[in-house]
Amino acid sequence: MLYVCDEALLKFYVKNNCTASIAVDVEFKPVNRVGWQTKNYTFAAGEVGYLVDTRNRFIYVTAHSIGGVQHNWPRHRVDMGGDLGKQFTHTLNCR
């Protein structure tokens, strides 16, 4: 008998609520891997994008705007909660 398992994961998204592009670094614990991994992304103004899946409720985000007025978001811990199977969107604002 074959069983299909839909693993319960947290899906992490970022929303760029700025009028400029932003560069984002995300530190997370990948599914089925030991240790932390860092991925880099760039988002256009107003863009929302899916980044990673994880089972760990914490993700670390560092970001800065590209061009125009400089905005920086120092490394900070994002708590997505413990409800696996959910989607979490982290919004970066330039106001």
C-alpha atoms as a PDB file:
ATOM      1  CA  MET A   1       0.000   0.000   0.000  1.00  0.00           C
ATOM      2  CA  LEU A   2       1.358   3.443  -0.939  1.00  0.00           C
ATOM      3  CA  TYR A   3       0.882   6.385   1.411  1.00  0.00           C
ATOM      4  CA  VAL A   4       1.262   9.976   0.280  1.00  0.00           C
ATOM      5  CA  CYS A   5       2.365  12.299   3.048  1.00  0.00           C
ATOM      6  CA  ASP A   6       1.739  16.008   2.784  1.00  0.00           C
ATOM      7  CA  GLU A   7       4.274  17.328   5.249  1.00  0.00           C
ATOM      8  CA  ALA A   8       3.045  20.182   7.386  1.00  0.00           C
ATOM      9  CA  LEU A   9       5.376  23.122   6.795  1.00  0.00           C
ATOM     10  CA  LEU A  10       5.517  26.833   7.394  1.00  0.00           C
ATOM     11  CA  LYS A  11       5.687  28.708   4.070  1.00  0.00           C
ATOM     12  CA  PHE A  12       7.554  32.018   4.326  1.00  0.00           C
ATOM     13  CA  TYR A  13       6.794  34.968   2.028  1.00  0.00           C
ATOM     14  CA  VAL A  14       8.094  38.551   1.907  1.00  0.00           C
ATOM     15  CA  LYS A  15       6.127  41.598   0.765  1.00  0.00           C
ATOM     16  CA  ASN A  16       8.065  44.643  -0.416  1.00  0.00           C
ATOM     17  CA  ASN A  17       5.859  47.562   0.619  1.00  0.00           C
ATOM     18  CA  CYS A  18       8.376  50.099  -0.717  1.00  0.00           C
ATOM     19  CA  THR A  19       8.671  52.130  -3.909  1.00  0.00           C
ATOM     20  CA  ALA A  20      12.237  50.825  -4.433  1.00  0.00           C
ATOM     21  CA  SER A  21      13.642  47.343  -4.917  1.00  0.00           C
ATOM     22  CA  ILE A  22      14.987  45.563  -1.840  1.00  0.00           C
ATOM     23  CA  ALA A  23      17.654  42.911  -1.264  1.00  0.00           C
ATOM     24  CA  VAL A  24      16.697  40.342   1.376  1.00  0.00           C
ATOM     25  CA  ASP A  25      18.797  37.716   3.167  1.00  0.00           C
ATOM     26  CA  VAL A  26      16.852  34.952   4.906  1.00  0.00           C
ATOM     27  CA  GLU A  27      18.381  32.523   7.415  1.00  0.00           C
ATOM     28  CA  PHE A  28      16.275  29.416   8.036  1.00  0.00           C
ATOM     29  CA  LYS A  29      16.408  25.732   8.939  1.00  0.00           C
ATOM     30  CA  PRO A  30      15.681  23.758   5.769  1.00  0.00           C
ATOM     31  CA  VAL A  31      13.350  20.771   5.833  1.00  0.00           C
ATOM     32  CA  ASN A  32      15.220  17.460   6.283  1.00  0.00           C
ATOM     33  CA  ARG A  33      18.599  19.147   6.812  1.00  0.00           C
ATOM     34  CA  VAL A  34      20.671  19.882   9.866  1.00  0.00           C
ATOM     35  CA  GLY A  35      21.761  23.433  10.575  1.00  0.00           C
ATOM     36  CA  TRP A  36      20.865  26.822   9.167  1.00  0.00           C
ATOM     37  CA  GLN A  37      21.007  27.999   5.565  1.00  0.00           C
ATOM     38  CA  THR A  38      21.034  31.526   4.095  1.00  0.00           C
ATOM     39  CA  LYS A  39      19.357  32.496   0.821  1.00  0.00           C
ATOM     40  CA  ASN A  40      19.448  35.874  -0.930  1.00  0.00           C
ATOM     41  CA  TYR A  41      16.564  37.426  -2.853  1.00  0.00           C
ATOM     42  CA  THR A  42      15.720  40.693  -4.617  1.00  0.00           C
ATOM     43  CA  PHE A  43      12.153  42.032  -4.767  1.00  0.00           C
ATOM     44  CA  ALA A  44      10.819  44.785  -6.998  1.00  0.00           C
ATOM     45  CA  ALA A  45       8.695  47.578  -5.536  1.00  0.00           C
ATOM     46  CA  GLY A  46       5.350  46.175  -4.369  1.00  0.00           C
ATOM     47  CA  GLU A  47       6.308  42.561  -5.092  1.00  0.00           C
ATOM     48  CA  VAL A  48       5.272  39.645  -2.872  1.00  0.00           C
ATOM     49  CA  GLY A  49       7.351  36.505  -3.158  1.00  0.00           C
ATOM     50  CA  TYR A  50       7.542  33.014  -1.731  1.00  0.00           C
ATOM     51  CA  LEU A  51      10.964  32.254  -0.247  1.00  0.00           C
ATOM     52  CA  VAL A  52      11.271  29.024   1.749  1.00  0.00           C
ATOM     53  CA  ASP A  53       9.583  26.141   3.561  1.00  0.00           C
ATOM     54  CA  THR A  54      10.595  25.233   7.101  1.00  0.00           C
ATOM     55  CA  ARG A  55       9.317  23.488  10.196  1.00  0.00           C
ATOM     56  CA  ASN A  56      11.071  25.966  12.483  1.00  0.00           C
ATOM     57  CA  ARG A  57       8.878  28.841  13.659  1.00  0.00           C
ATOM     58  CA  PHE A  58      11.822  31.297  13.597  1.00  0.00           C
ATOM     59  CA  ILE A  59      13.441  32.858  10.529  1.00  0.00           C
ATOM     60  CA  TYR A  60      16.047  35.648  10.502  1.00  0.00           C
ATOM     61  CA  VAL A  61      15.680  38.470   7.983  1.00  0.00           C
ATOM     62  CA  THR A  62      18.154  41.191   6.957  1.00  0.00           C
ATOM     63  CA  ALA A  63      17.332  43.626   4.143  1.00  0.00           C
ATOM     64  CA  HIS A  64      18.201  46.927   2.477  1.00  0.00           C
ATOM     65  CA  SER A  65      16.730  49.018  -0.313  1.00  0.00           C
ATOM     66  CA  ILE A  66      18.474  49.273  -3.667  1.00  0.00           C
ATOM     67  CA  GLY A  67      18.823  52.776  -5.100  1.00  0.00           C
ATOM     68  CA  GLY A  68      16.989  55.911  -4.055  1.00  0.00           C
ATOM     69  CA  VAL A  69      16.625  56.713  -0.359  1.00  0.00           C
ATOM     70  CA  GLN A  70      18.467  54.061   1.636  1.00  0.00           C
ATOM     71  CA  HIS A  71      16.398  51.913   4.007  1.00  0.00           C
ATOM     72  CA  ASN A  72      17.959  49.206   6.159  1.00  0.00           C
ATOM     73  CA  TRP A  73      16.394  46.434   8.176  1.00  0.00           C
ATOM     74  CA  PRO A  74      19.009  44.986  10.538  1.00  0.00           C
ATOM     75  CA  ARG A  75      19.001  41.235  11.157  1.00  0.00           C
ATOM     76  CA  HIS A  76      15.963  40.359  13.234  1.00  0.00           C
ATOM     77  CA  ARG A  77      14.120  37.227  14.255  1.00  0.00           C
ATOM     78  CA  VAL A  78      10.677  36.700  12.762  1.00  0.00           C
ATOM     79  CA  ASP A  79       8.337  34.466  14.774  1.00  0.00           C
ATOM     80  CA  MET A  80       5.910  32.753  12.376  1.00  0.00           C
ATOM     81  CA  GLY A  81       4.067  30.923  15.141  1.00  0.00           C
ATOM     82  CA  GLY A  82       3.798  27.195  15.645  1.00  0.00           C
ATOM     83  CA  ASP A  83       0.892  26.335  13.329  1.00  0.00           C
ATOM     84  CA  LEU A  84       2.468  24.068  10.724  1.00  0.00           C
ATOM     85  CA  GLY A  85       0.712  24.026   7.382  1.00  0.00           C
ATOM     86  CA  LYS A  86       0.289  27.808   7.383  1.00  0.00           C
ATOM     87  CA  GLN A  87       1.601  30.595   5.186  1.00  0.00           C
ATOM     88  CA  PHE A  88       3.364  33.572   6.796  1.00  0.00           C
ATOM     89  CA  THR A  89       4.003  36.900   5.026  1.00  0.00           C
ATOM     90  CA  HIS A  90       6.593  39.306   6.430  1.00  0.00           C
ATOM     91  CA  THR A  91       6.135  42.888   5.191  1.00  0.00           C
ATOM     92  CA  LEU A  92       9.032  45.347   4.787  1.00  0.00           C
ATOM     93  CA  ASN A  93       7.904  49.001   4.856  1.00  0.00           C
ATOM     94  CA  CYS A  94       9.901  52.069   3.780  1.00  0.00           C
ATOM     95  CA  ARG A  95       7.825  54.577   5.704  1.00  0.00           C
END
